[in-house]
Structure formats: structure tokens, C-alpha cells
Amino acid sequence: MAGYLDAIRLHDIVFYGSHPRTREGMVDNIIIDYLTGMLQAGADAGAWPIDDARFTAVFLFSGLHAVVDDAHSKEKRLDRSRLTRRLEQLSFRAVGLGS
């Protein structure tokens, strides 16, 4: 999260500057593949009760990007610790952890 915020302009140039976002690019990428593997491994180990690791990975990946993009473009002064805390809480809830 901090890395994404630190390099958001570079991220935008690398991922969006040369070509527009596509639906496939937002759901068919290596980060989602790694996240799917991690989520599935956690489910297999009993760490969290998710039914579909890929579905959850796509949701978390897309949601994180949308929330960060919204905060970055709308807030005058980005409260990074608040944003990070809220994203962590929501992510834990998405996999069945936390309140």
C-alpha cells in the first residue's frame, strides 16, 4: 500500500500512460495470480474461510486501486495512515477475519 502511494505517478505512467485500462488488464495480471495463490494457501491452511480465492483476489485488487485512486484524486491532503488502516480492516473482513 505504501509503495503504491509513494509511486502512484510512476504507477500511472507505467500501467496507464502508454495504453488505456482494459477490463482484461484489471483482472488478468500477475498480481492477482499471486494474491489468488496466497489466499488459496491460507484457505487450505484454515487461516480464513473464503469460498473462491480468485473472486476474492480480484475484489481486493480492484477495490484497493479504486479506493486509492479516489482518495488520491479527491482529498486535498491524503491521510495515508487512515487510508491504510481502513483498507486493512476491509481486506481482513473480506476474508472473514476481524470485526
PDB file of N, CA and C in Angstrom:
ATOM      1  N   MET A   1       0.818  -1.181   0.000  1.00  0.00           N
ATOM      2  CA  MET A   1       0.000   0.000   0.000  1.00  0.00           C
ATOM      3  C   MET A   1       0.869   1.254   0.000  1.00  0.00           C
ATOM      4  N   ALA A   2       1.816   1.311   0.918  1.00  0.00           N
ATOM      5  CA  ALA A   2       2.689   2.486   0.980  1.00  0.00           C
ATOM      6  C   ALA A   2       3.476   2.636  -0.319  1.00  0.00           C
ATOM      7  N   GLY A   3       3.931   1.511  -0.858  1.00  0.00           N
ATOM      8  CA  GLY A   3       4.665   1.563  -2.123  1.00  0.00           C
ATOM      9  C   GLY A   3       3.819   2.107  -3.252  1.00  0.00           C
ATOM     10  N   TYR A   4       2.563   1.708  -3.291  1.00  0.00           N
ATOM     11  CA  TYR A   4       1.651   2.205  -4.325  1.00  0.00           C
ATOM     12  C   TYR A   4       1.461   3.709  -4.176  1.00  0.00           C
ATOM     13  N   LEU A   5       1.244   4.162  -2.939  1.00  0.00           N
ATOM     14  CA  LEU A   5       1.071   5.598  -2.713  1.00  0.00           C
ATOM     15  C   LEU A   5       2.343   6.379  -3.008  1.00  0.00           C
ATOM     16  N   ASP A   6       3.496   5.823  -2.640  1.00  0.00           N
ATOM     17  CA  ASP A   6       4.766   6.507  -2.888  1.00  0.00           C
ATOM     18  C   ASP A   6       5.046   6.671  -4.379  1.00  0.00           C
ATOM     19  N   ALA A   7       4.613   5.701  -5.159  1.00  0.00           N
ATOM     20  CA  ALA A   7       4.950   5.709  -6.589  1.00  0.00           C
ATOM     21  C   ALA A   7       3.709   5.811  -7.478  1.00  0.00           C
ATOM     22  N   ILE A   8       2.680   6.474  -6.991  1.00  0.00           N
ATOM     23  CA  ILE A   8       1.426   6.490  -7.739  1.00  0.00           C
ATOM     24  C   ILE A   8       1.580   7.127  -9.115  1.00  0.00           C
ATOM     25  N   ARG A   9       2.378   8.161  -9.236  1.00  0.00           N
ATOM     26  CA  ARG A   9       2.571   8.782 -10.559  1.00  0.00           C
ATOM     27  C   ARG A   9       3.340   7.859 -11.490  1.00  0.00           C
ATOM     28  N   LEU A  10       4.381   7.221 -10.981  1.00  0.00           N
ATOM     29  CA  LEU A  10       5.124   6.256 -11.787  1.00  0.00           C
ATOM     30  C   LEU A  10       4.220   5.088 -12.165  1.00  0.00           C
ATOM     31  N   HIS A  11       3.446   4.605 -11.221  1.00  0.00           N
ATOM     32  CA  HIS A  11       2.491   3.520 -11.474  1.00  0.00           C
ATOM     33  C   HIS A  11       1.563   3.895 -12.628  1.00  0.00           C
ATOM     34  N   ASP A  12       1.032   5.112 -12.593  1.00  0.00           N
ATOM     35  CA  ASP A  12       0.119   5.550 -13.639  1.00  0.00           C
ATOM     36  C   ASP A  12       0.800   5.640 -15.000  1.00  0.00           C
ATOM     37  N   ILE A  13       2.032   6.093 -15.022  1.00  0.00           N
ATOM     38  CA  ILE A  13       2.770   6.177 -16.292  1.00  0.00           C
ATOM     39  C   ILE A  13       3.026   4.786 -16.852  1.00  0.00           C
ATOM     40  N   VAL A  14       3.506   3.893 -15.998  1.00  0.00           N
ATOM     41  CA  VAL A  14       3.849   2.537 -16.446  1.00  0.00           C
ATOM     42  C   VAL A  14       2.611   1.759 -16.875  1.00  0.00           C
ATOM     43  N   PHE A  15       1.556   1.812 -16.066  1.00  0.00           N
ATOM     44  CA  PHE A  15       0.405   0.968 -16.337  1.00  0.00           C
ATOM     45  C   PHE A  15      -0.677   1.617 -17.182  1.00  0.00           C
ATOM     46  N   TYR A  16      -0.772   2.941 -17.151  1.00  0.00           N
ATOM     47  CA  TYR A  16      -1.875   3.575 -17.867  1.00  0.00           C
ATOM     48  C   TYR A  16      -1.424   4.589 -18.907  1.00  0.00           C
ATOM     49  N   GLY A  17      -0.189   5.057 -18.805  1.00  0.00           N
ATOM     50  CA  GLY A  17       0.280   6.096 -19.704  1.00  0.00           C
ATOM     51  C   GLY A  17       0.399   5.671 -21.151  1.00  0.00           C
ATOM     52  N   SER A  18       0.798   4.448 -21.379  1.00  0.00           N
ATOM     53  CA  SER A  18       1.030   4.008 -22.747  1.00  0.00           C
ATOM     54  C   SER A  18      -0.205   3.425 -23.406  1.00  0.00           C
ATOM     55  N   HIS A  19      -1.164   2.986 -22.611  1.00  0.00           N
ATOM     56  CA  HIS A  19      -2.386   2.424 -23.179  1.00  0.00           C
ATOM     57  C   HIS A  19      -3.515   2.549 -22.166  1.00  0.00           C
ATOM     58  N   PRO A  20      -4.726   2.644 -22.634  1.00  0.00           N
ATOM     59  CA  PRO A  20      -5.843   2.769 -21.692  1.00  0.00           C
ATOM     60  C   PRO A  20      -6.075   1.474 -20.920  1.00  0.00           C
ATOM     61  N   ARG A  21      -6.674   1.589 -19.769  1.00  0.00           N
ATOM     62  CA  ARG A  21      -7.038   0.415 -18.983  1.00  0.00           C
ATOM     63  C   ARG A  21      -8.007  -0.444 -19.788  1.00  0.00           C
ATOM     64  N   THR A  22      -7.830  -1.722 -19.647  1.00  0.00           N
ATOM     65  CA  THR A  22      -8.781  -2.641 -20.264  1.00  0.00           C
ATOM     66  C   THR A  22      -9.384  -3.488 -19.161  1.00  0.00           C
ATOM     67  N   ARG A  23     -10.520  -4.032 -19.428  1.00  0.00           N
ATOM     68  CA  ARG A  23     -11.129  -4.920 -18.441  1.00  0.00           C
ATOM     69  C   ARG A  23     -10.220  -6.107 -18.174  1.00  0.00           C
ATOM     70  N   GLU A  24      -9.641  -6.651 -19.225  1.00  0.00           N
ATOM     71  CA  GLU A  24      -8.773  -7.815 -19.063  1.00  0.00           C
ATOM     72  C   GLU A  24      -7.549  -7.481 -18.207  1.00  0.00           C
ATOM     73  N   GLY A  25      -6.962  -6.317 -18.429  1.00  0.00           N
ATOM     74  CA  GLY A  25      -5.777  -5.928 -17.672  1.00  0.00           C
ATOM     75  C   GLY A  25      -6.039  -5.720 -16.197  1.00  0.00           C
ATOM     76  N   MET A  26      -7.255  -5.335 -15.875  1.00  0.00           N
ATOM     77  CA  MET A  26      -7.596  -5.122 -14.467  1.00  0.00           C
ATOM     78  C   MET A  26      -7.885  -6.421 -13.733  1.00  0.00           C
ATOM     79  N   VAL A  27      -8.099  -7.514 -14.454  1.00  0.00           N
ATOM     80  CA  VAL A  27      -8.405  -8.776 -13.775  1.00  0.00           C
ATOM     81  C   VAL A  27      -7.485  -9.923 -14.189  1.00  0.00           C
ATOM     82  N   ASP A  28      -6.710  -9.734 -15.220  1.00  0.00           N
ATOM     83  CA  ASP A  28      -5.823 -10.787 -15.701  1.00  0.00           C
ATOM     84  C   ASP A  28      -4.388 -10.283 -15.624  1.00  0.00           C
ATOM     85  N   ASN A  29      -3.813 -10.370 -14.423  1.00  0.00           N
ATOM     86  CA  ASN A  29      -2.443  -9.900 -14.241  1.00  0.00           C
ATOM     87  C   ASN A  29      -1.747 -10.705 -13.153  1.00  0.00           C
ATOM     88  N   ILE A  30      -0.460 -10.593 -13.118  1.00  0.00           N
ATOM     89  CA  ILE A  30       0.371 -11.415 -12.231  1.00  0.00           C
ATOM     90  C   ILE A  30       0.104 -11.137 -10.755  1.00  0.00           C
ATOM     91  N   ILE A  31      -0.247  -9.922 -10.416  1.00  0.00           N
ATOM     92  CA  ILE A  31      -0.502  -9.600  -9.013  1.00  0.00           C
ATOM     93  C   ILE A  31      -1.740 -10.345  -8.518  1.00  0.00           C
ATOM     94  N   ILE A  32      -2.771 -10.377  -9.336  1.00  0.00           N
ATOM     95  CA  ILE A  32      -3.965 -11.132  -8.956  1.00  0.00           C
ATOM     96  C   ILE A  32      -3.649 -12.620  -8.875  1.00  0.00           C
ATOM     97  N   ASP A  33      -2.808 -13.108  -9.786  1.00  0.00           N
ATOM     98  CA  ASP A  33      -2.409 -14.517  -9.732  1.00  0.00           C
ATOM     99  C   ASP A  33      -1.702 -14.838  -8.415  1.00  0.00           C
ATOM    100  N   TYR A  34      -0.761 -13.986  -8.002  1.00  0.00           N
ATOM    101  CA  TYR A  34      -0.051 -14.208  -6.738  1.00  0.00           C
ATOM    102  C   TYR A  34      -0.997 -14.102  -5.544  1.00  0.00           C
ATOM    103  N   LEU A  35      -1.867 -13.106  -5.580  1.00  0.00           N
ATOM    104  CA  LEU A  35      -2.819 -12.931  -4.496  1.00  0.00           C
ATOM    105  C   LEU A  35      -3.771 -14.119  -4.403  1.00  0.00           C
ATOM    106  N   THR A  36      -4.203 -14.631  -5.545  1.00  0.00           N
ATOM    107  CA  THR A  36      -5.053 -15.817  -5.564  1.00  0.00           C
ATOM    108  C   THR A  36      -4.342 -16.993  -4.893  1.00  0.00           C
ATOM    109  N   GLY A  37      -3.075 -17.193  -5.244  1.00  0.00           N
ATOM    110  CA  GLY A  37      -2.307 -18.279  -4.634  1.00  0.00           C
ATOM    111  C   GLY A  37      -2.174 -18.130  -3.135  1.00  0.00           C
ATOM    112  N   MET A  38      -1.911 -16.913  -2.682  1.00  0.00           N
ATOM    113  CA  MET A  38      -1.771 -16.663  -1.254  1.00  0.00           C
ATOM    114  C   MET A  38      -3.102 -16.897  -0.536  1.00  0.00           C
ATOM    115  N   LEU A  39      -4.174 -16.395  -1.110  1.00  0.00           N
ATOM    116  CA  LEU A  39      -5.484 -16.581  -0.497  1.00  0.00           C
ATOM    117  C   LEU A  39      -5.888 -18.049  -0.460  1.00  0.00           C
ATOM    118  N   GLN A  40      -5.591 -18.782  -1.531  1.00  0.00           N
ATOM    119  CA  GLN A  40      -5.927 -20.203  -1.563  1.00  0.00           C
ATOM    120  C   GLN A  40      -5.103 -20.979  -0.542  1.00  0.00           C
ATOM    121  N   ALA A  41      -3.815 -20.648  -0.441  1.00  0.00           N
ATOM    122  CA  ALA A  41      -2.961 -21.311   0.547  1.00  0.00           C
ATOM    123  C   ALA A  41      -3.480 -21.055   1.960  1.00  0.00           C
ATOM    124  N   GLY A  42      -3.908 -19.817   2.233  1.00  0.00           N
ATOM    125  CA  GLY A  42      -4.466 -19.501   3.542  1.00  0.00           C
ATOM    126  C   GLY A  42      -5.761 -20.249   3.808  1.00  0.00           C
ATOM    127  N   ALA A  43      -6.602 -20.353   2.786  1.00  0.00           N
ATOM    128  CA  ALA A  43      -7.858 -21.101   2.943  1.00  0.00           C
ATOM    129  C   ALA A  43      -7.569 -22.576   3.186  1.00  0.00           C
ATOM    130  N   ASP A  44      -6.618 -23.143   2.428  1.00  0.00           N
ATOM    131  CA  ASP A  44      -6.252 -24.549   2.606  1.00  0.00           C
ATOM    132  C   ASP A  44      -5.685 -24.816   3.997  1.00  0.00           C
ATOM    133  N   ALA A  45      -4.998 -23.830   4.564  1.00  0.00           N
ATOM    134  CA  ALA A  45      -4.406 -23.974   5.898  1.00  0.00           C
ATOM    135  C   ALA A  45      -5.400 -23.639   7.017  1.00  0.00           C
ATOM    136  N   GLY A  46      -6.596 -23.201   6.635  1.00  0.00           N
ATOM    137  CA  GLY A  46      -7.600 -22.855   7.631  1.00  0.00           C
ATOM    138  C   GLY A  46      -7.444 -21.466   8.229  1.00  0.00           C
ATOM    139  N   ALA A  47      -6.647 -20.622   7.578  1.00  0.00           N
ATOM    140  CA  ALA A  47      -6.418 -19.273   8.100  1.00  0.00           C
ATOM    141  C   ALA A  47      -7.619 -18.357   7.894  1.00  0.00           C
ATOM    142  N   TRP A  48      -8.376 -18.595   6.826  1.00  0.00           N
ATOM    143  CA  TRP A  48      -9.576 -17.810   6.562  1.00  0.00           C
ATOM    144  C   TRP A  48     -10.580 -18.634   5.763  1.00  0.00           C
ATOM    145  N   PRO A  49     -11.845 -18.308   5.964  1.00  0.00           N
ATOM    146  CA  PRO A  49     -12.914 -19.100   5.336  1.00  0.00           C
ATOM    147  C   PRO A  49     -13.446 -18.498   4.033  1.00  0.00           C
ATOM    148  N   ILE A  50     -12.612 -18.473   2.997  1.00  0.00           N
ATOM    149  CA  ILE A  50     -13.108 -17.944   1.717  1.00  0.00           C
ATOM    150  C   ILE A  50     -13.511 -19.108   0.817  1.00  0.00           C
ATOM    151  N   ASP A  51     -14.519 -18.863  -0.007  1.00  0.00           N
ATOM    152  CA  ASP A  51     -15.023 -19.896  -0.909  1.00  0.00           C
ATOM    153  C   ASP A  51     -14.299 -19.903  -2.251  1.00  0.00           C
ATOM    154  N   ASP A  52     -13.886 -18.728  -2.708  1.00  0.00           N
ATOM    155  CA  ASP A  52     -13.325 -18.593  -4.047  1.00  0.00           C
ATOM    156  C   ASP A  52     -12.146 -17.625  -4.002  1.00  0.00           C
ATOM    157  N   ALA A  53     -10.945 -18.155  -4.026  1.00  0.00           N
ATOM    158  CA  ALA A  53      -9.739 -17.332  -3.885  1.00  0.00           C
ATOM    159  C   ALA A  53      -9.595 -16.332  -5.026  1.00  0.00           C
ATOM    160  N   ARG A  54      -9.879 -16.743  -6.239  1.00  0.00           N
ATOM    161  CA  ARG A  54      -9.745 -15.837  -7.394  1.00  0.00           C
ATOM    162  C   ARG A  54     -10.747 -14.684  -7.288  1.00  0.00           C
ATOM    163  N   PHE A  55     -11.992 -14.982  -6.974  1.00  0.00           N
ATOM    164  CA  PHE A  55     -13.010 -13.956  -6.808  1.00  0.00           C
ATOM    165  C   PHE A  55     -12.566 -12.935  -5.759  1.00  0.00           C
ATOM    166  N   THR A  56     -12.084 -13.432  -4.629  1.00  0.00           N
ATOM    167  CA  THR A  56     -11.638 -12.560  -3.545  1.00  0.00           C
ATOM    168  C   THR A  56     -10.428 -11.743  -3.963  1.00  0.00           C
ATOM    169  N   ALA A  57      -9.488 -12.341  -4.684  1.00  0.00           N
ATOM    170  CA  ALA A  57      -8.302 -11.627  -5.149  1.00  0.00           C
ATOM    171  C   ALA A  57      -8.667 -10.495  -6.101  1.00  0.00           C
ATOM    172  N   VAL A  58      -9.560 -10.764  -7.035  1.00  0.00           N
ATOM    173  CA  VAL A  58      -9.985  -9.725  -7.983  1.00  0.00           C
ATOM    174  C   VAL A  58     -10.680  -8.591  -7.230  1.00  0.00           C
ATOM    175  N   PHE A  59     -11.544  -8.949  -6.293  1.00  0.00           N
ATOM    176  CA  PHE A  59     -12.251  -7.951  -5.490  1.00  0.00           C
ATOM    177  C   PHE A  59     -11.264  -7.074  -4.715  1.00  0.00           C
ATOM    178  N   LEU A  60     -10.313  -7.696  -4.029  1.00  0.00           N
ATOM    179  CA  LEU A  60      -9.354  -6.936  -3.230  1.00  0.00           C
ATOM    180  C   LEU A  60      -8.457  -6.066  -4.109  1.00  0.00           C
ATOM    181  N   PHE A  61      -7.949  -6.613  -5.195  1.00  0.00           N
ATOM    182  CA  PHE A  61      -7.077  -5.860  -6.098  1.00  0.00           C
ATOM    183  C   PHE A  61      -7.805  -4.657  -6.688  1.00  0.00           C
ATOM    184  N   SER A  62      -8.964  -4.898  -7.235  1.00  0.00           N
ATOM    185  CA  SER A  62      -9.719  -3.820  -7.874  1.00  0.00           C
ATOM    186  C   SER A  62     -10.190  -2.795  -6.862  1.00  0.00           C
ATOM    187  N   GLY A  63     -10.644  -3.280  -5.715  1.00  0.00           N
ATOM    188  CA  GLY A  63     -11.102  -2.374  -4.667  1.00  0.00           C
ATOM    189  C   GLY A  63      -9.998  -1.483  -4.140  1.00  0.00           C
ATOM    190  N   LEU A  64      -8.824  -2.054  -3.914  1.00  0.00           N
ATOM    191  CA  LEU A  64      -7.692  -1.259  -3.428  1.00  0.00           C
ATOM    192  C   LEU A  64      -7.359  -0.160  -4.416  1.00  0.00           C
ATOM    193  N   HIS A  65      -7.268  -0.507  -5.689  1.00  0.00           N
ATOM    194  CA  HIS A  65      -6.936   0.502  -6.691  1.00  0.00           C
ATOM    195  C   HIS A  65      -8.000   1.596  -6.757  1.00  0.00           C
ATOM    196  N   ALA A  66      -9.251   1.215  -6.723  1.00  0.00           N
ATOM    197  CA  ALA A  66     -10.319   2.205  -6.813  1.00  0.00           C
ATOM    198  C   ALA A  66     -10.326   3.133  -5.605  1.00  0.00           C
ATOM    199  N   VAL A  67     -10.160   2.577  -4.413  1.00  0.00           N
ATOM    200  CA  VAL A  67     -10.166   3.391  -3.200  1.00  0.00           C
ATOM    201  C   VAL A  67      -8.969   4.338  -3.174  1.00  0.00           C
ATOM    202  N   VAL A  68      -7.790   3.850  -3.523  1.00  0.00           N
ATOM    203  CA  VAL A  68      -6.603   4.702  -3.529  1.00  0.00           C
ATOM    204  C   VAL A  68      -6.732   5.782  -4.599  1.00  0.00           C
ATOM    205  N   ASP A  69      -7.191   5.417  -5.780  1.00  0.00           N
ATOM    206  CA  ASP A  69      -7.368   6.412  -6.845  1.00  0.00           C
ATOM    207  C   ASP A  69      -8.371   7.484  -6.429  1.00  0.00           C
ATOM    208  N   ASP A  70      -9.468   7.064  -5.807  1.00  0.00           N
ATOM    209  CA  ASP A  70     -10.478   8.022  -5.353  1.00  0.00           C
ATOM    210  C   ASP A  70      -9.898   8.963  -4.304  1.00  0.00           C
ATOM    211  N   ALA A  71      -9.229   8.412  -3.315  1.00  0.00           N
ATOM    212  CA  ALA A  71      -8.645   9.243  -2.259  1.00  0.00           C
ATOM    213  C   ALA A  71      -7.584  10.184  -2.825  1.00  0.00           C
ATOM    214  N   HIS A  72      -6.761   9.683  -3.719  1.00  0.00           N
ATOM    215  CA  HIS A  72      -5.686  10.486  -4.301  1.00  0.00           C
ATOM    216  C   HIS A  72      -6.247  11.647  -5.114  1.00  0.00           C
ATOM    217  N   SER A  73      -7.334  11.422  -5.809  1.00  0.00           N
ATOM    218  CA  SER A  73      -7.879  12.477  -6.661  1.00  0.00           C
ATOM    219  C   SER A  73      -8.846  13.410  -5.936  1.00  0.00           C
ATOM    220  N   LYS A  74      -9.444  12.970  -4.836  1.00  0.00           N
ATOM    221  CA  LYS A  74     -10.478  13.771  -4.171  1.00  0.00           C
ATOM    222  C   LYS A  74     -10.022  14.489  -2.906  1.00  0.00           C
ATOM    223  N   GLU A  75      -9.079  13.906  -2.197  1.00  0.00           N
ATOM    224  CA  GLU A  75      -8.685  14.502  -0.918  1.00  0.00           C
ATOM    225  C   GLU A  75      -7.604  15.556  -1.120  1.00  0.00           C
ATOM    226  N   LYS A  76      -7.758  16.675  -0.423  1.00  0.00           N
ATOM    227  CA  LYS A  76      -6.757  17.741  -0.516  1.00  0.00           C
ATOM    228  C   LYS A  76      -5.435  17.305   0.113  1.00  0.00           C
ATOM    229  N   ARG A  77      -5.533  16.661   1.248  1.00  0.00           N
ATOM    230  CA  ARG A  77      -4.351  16.145   1.956  1.00  0.00           C
ATOM    231  C   ARG A  77      -4.646  14.697   2.323  1.00  0.00           C
ATOM    232  N   LEU A  78      -3.974  13.793   1.678  1.00  0.00           N
ATOM    233  CA  LEU A  78      -4.220  12.373   1.864  1.00  0.00           C
ATOM    234  C   LEU A  78      -3.726  11.905   3.232  1.00  0.00           C
ATOM    235  N   ASP A  79      -4.608  11.355   4.016  1.00  0.00           N
ATOM    236  CA  ASP A  79      -4.271  10.791   5.323  1.00  0.00           C
ATOM    237  C   ASP A  79      -3.907   9.320   5.100  1.00  0.00           C
ATOM    238  N   ARG A  80      -2.630   9.078   4.861  1.00  0.00           N
ATOM    239  CA  ARG A  80      -2.153   7.751   4.491  1.00  0.00           C
ATOM    240  C   ARG A  80      -2.417   6.708   5.573  1.00  0.00           C
ATOM    241  N   SER A  81      -2.195   7.059   6.818  1.00  0.00           N
ATOM    242  CA  SER A  81      -2.380   6.069   7.879  1.00  0.00           C
ATOM    243  C   SER A  81      -3.860   5.704   8.005  1.00  0.00           C
ATOM    244  N   ARG A  82      -4.748   6.658   7.875  1.00  0.00           N
ATOM    245  CA  ARG A  82      -6.185   6.375   7.938  1.00  0.00           C
ATOM    246  C   ARG A  82      -6.609   5.515   6.752  1.00  0.00           C
ATOM    247  N   LEU A  83      -6.142   5.862   5.566  1.00  0.00           N
ATOM    248  CA  LEU A  83      -6.474   5.096   4.371  1.00  0.00           C
ATOM    249  C   LEU A  83      -5.951   3.661   4.489  1.00  0.00           C
ATOM    250  N   THR A  84      -4.730   3.508   4.931  1.00  0.00           N
ATOM    251  CA  THR A  84      -4.137   2.184   5.096  1.00  0.00           C
ATOM    252  C   THR A  84      -4.910   1.363   6.118  1.00  0.00           C
ATOM    253  N   ARG A  85      -5.231   1.962   7.241  1.00  0.00           N
ATOM    254  CA  ARG A  85      -5.979   1.271   8.294  1.00  0.00           C
ATOM    255  C   ARG A  85      -7.344   0.814   7.782  1.00  0.00           C
ATOM    256  N   ARG A  86      -8.041   1.678   7.083  1.00  0.00           N
ATOM    257  CA  ARG A  86      -9.368   1.322   6.556  1.00  0.00           C
ATOM    258  C   ARG A  86      -9.277   0.218   5.509  1.00  0.00           C
ATOM    259  N   LEU A  87      -8.263   0.280   4.645  1.00  0.00           N
ATOM    260  CA  LEU A  87      -8.089  -0.776   3.650  1.00  0.00           C
ATOM    261  C   LEU A  87      -7.730  -2.104   4.304  1.00  0.00           C
ATOM    262  N   GLU A  88      -6.876  -2.075   5.310  1.00  0.00           N
ATOM    263  CA  GLU A  88      -6.529  -3.303   6.033  1.00  0.00           C
ATOM    264  C   GLU A  88      -7.768  -3.911   6.685  1.00  0.00           C
ATOM    265  N   GLN A  89      -8.559  -3.082   7.356  1.00  0.00           N
ATOM    266  CA  GLN A  89      -9.763  -3.581   8.024  1.00  0.00           C
ATOM    267  C   GLN A  89     -10.730  -4.206   7.017  1.00  0.00           C
ATOM    268  N   LEU A  90     -10.947  -3.537   5.902  1.00  0.00           N
ATOM    269  CA  LEU A  90     -11.852  -4.042   4.898  1.00  0.00           C
ATOM    270  C   LEU A  90     -11.325  -5.332   4.271  1.00  0.00           C
ATOM    271  N   SER A  91     -10.027  -5.403   4.035  1.00  0.00           N
ATOM    272  CA  SER A  91      -9.412  -6.599   3.467  1.00  0.00           C
ATOM    273  C   SER A  91      -9.543  -7.789   4.417  1.00  0.00           C
ATOM    274  N   PHE A  92      -9.306  -7.553   5.712  1.00  0.00           N
ATOM    275  CA  PHE A  92      -9.466  -8.623   6.691  1.00  0.00           C
ATOM    276  C   PHE A  92     -10.920  -9.105   6.741  1.00  0.00           C
ATOM    277  N   ARG A  93     -11.845  -8.170   6.685  1.00  0.00           N
ATOM    278  CA  ARG A  93     -13.267  -8.557   6.685  1.00  0.00           C
ATOM    279  C   ARG A  93     -13.611  -9.369   5.437  1.00  0.00           C
ATOM    280  N   ALA A  94     -13.017  -9.008   4.299  1.00  0.00           N
ATOM    281  CA  ALA A  94     -13.323  -9.709   3.036  1.00  0.00           C
ATOM    282  C   ALA A  94     -12.930 -11.179   3.094  1.00  0.00           C
ATOM    283  N   VAL A  95     -11.915 -11.494   3.903  1.00  0.00           N
ATOM    284  CA  VAL A  95     -11.508 -12.903   4.021  1.00  0.00           C
ATOM    285  C   VAL A  95     -12.046 -13.555   5.301  1.00  0.00           C
ATOM    286  N   GLY A  96     -12.930 -12.852   5.979  1.00  0.00           N
ATOM    287  CA  GLY A  96     -13.583 -13.442   7.149  1.00  0.00           C
ATOM    288  C   GLY A  96     -12.846 -13.244   8.445  1.00  0.00           C
ATOM    289  N   LEU A  97     -11.938 -12.286   8.509  1.00  0.00           N
ATOM    290  CA  LEU A  97     -11.199 -12.006   9.740  1.00  0.00           C
ATOM    291  C   LEU A  97     -11.567 -10.622  10.270  1.00  0.00           C
ATOM    292  N   GLY A  98     -11.489 -10.437  11.541  1.00  0.00           N
ATOM    293  CA  GLY A  98     -11.760  -9.129  12.126  1.00  0.00           C
ATOM    294  C   GLY A  98     -13.241  -8.863  12.262  1.00  0.00           C
ATOM    295  N   SER A  99     -13.513  -7.706  12.828  1.00  0.00           N
ATOM    296  CA  SER A  99     -14.930  -7.362  13.052  1.00  0.00           C
ATOM    297  C   SER A  99     -15.412  -6.322  12.077  1.00  0.00           C
TER     298      SER A  99
END
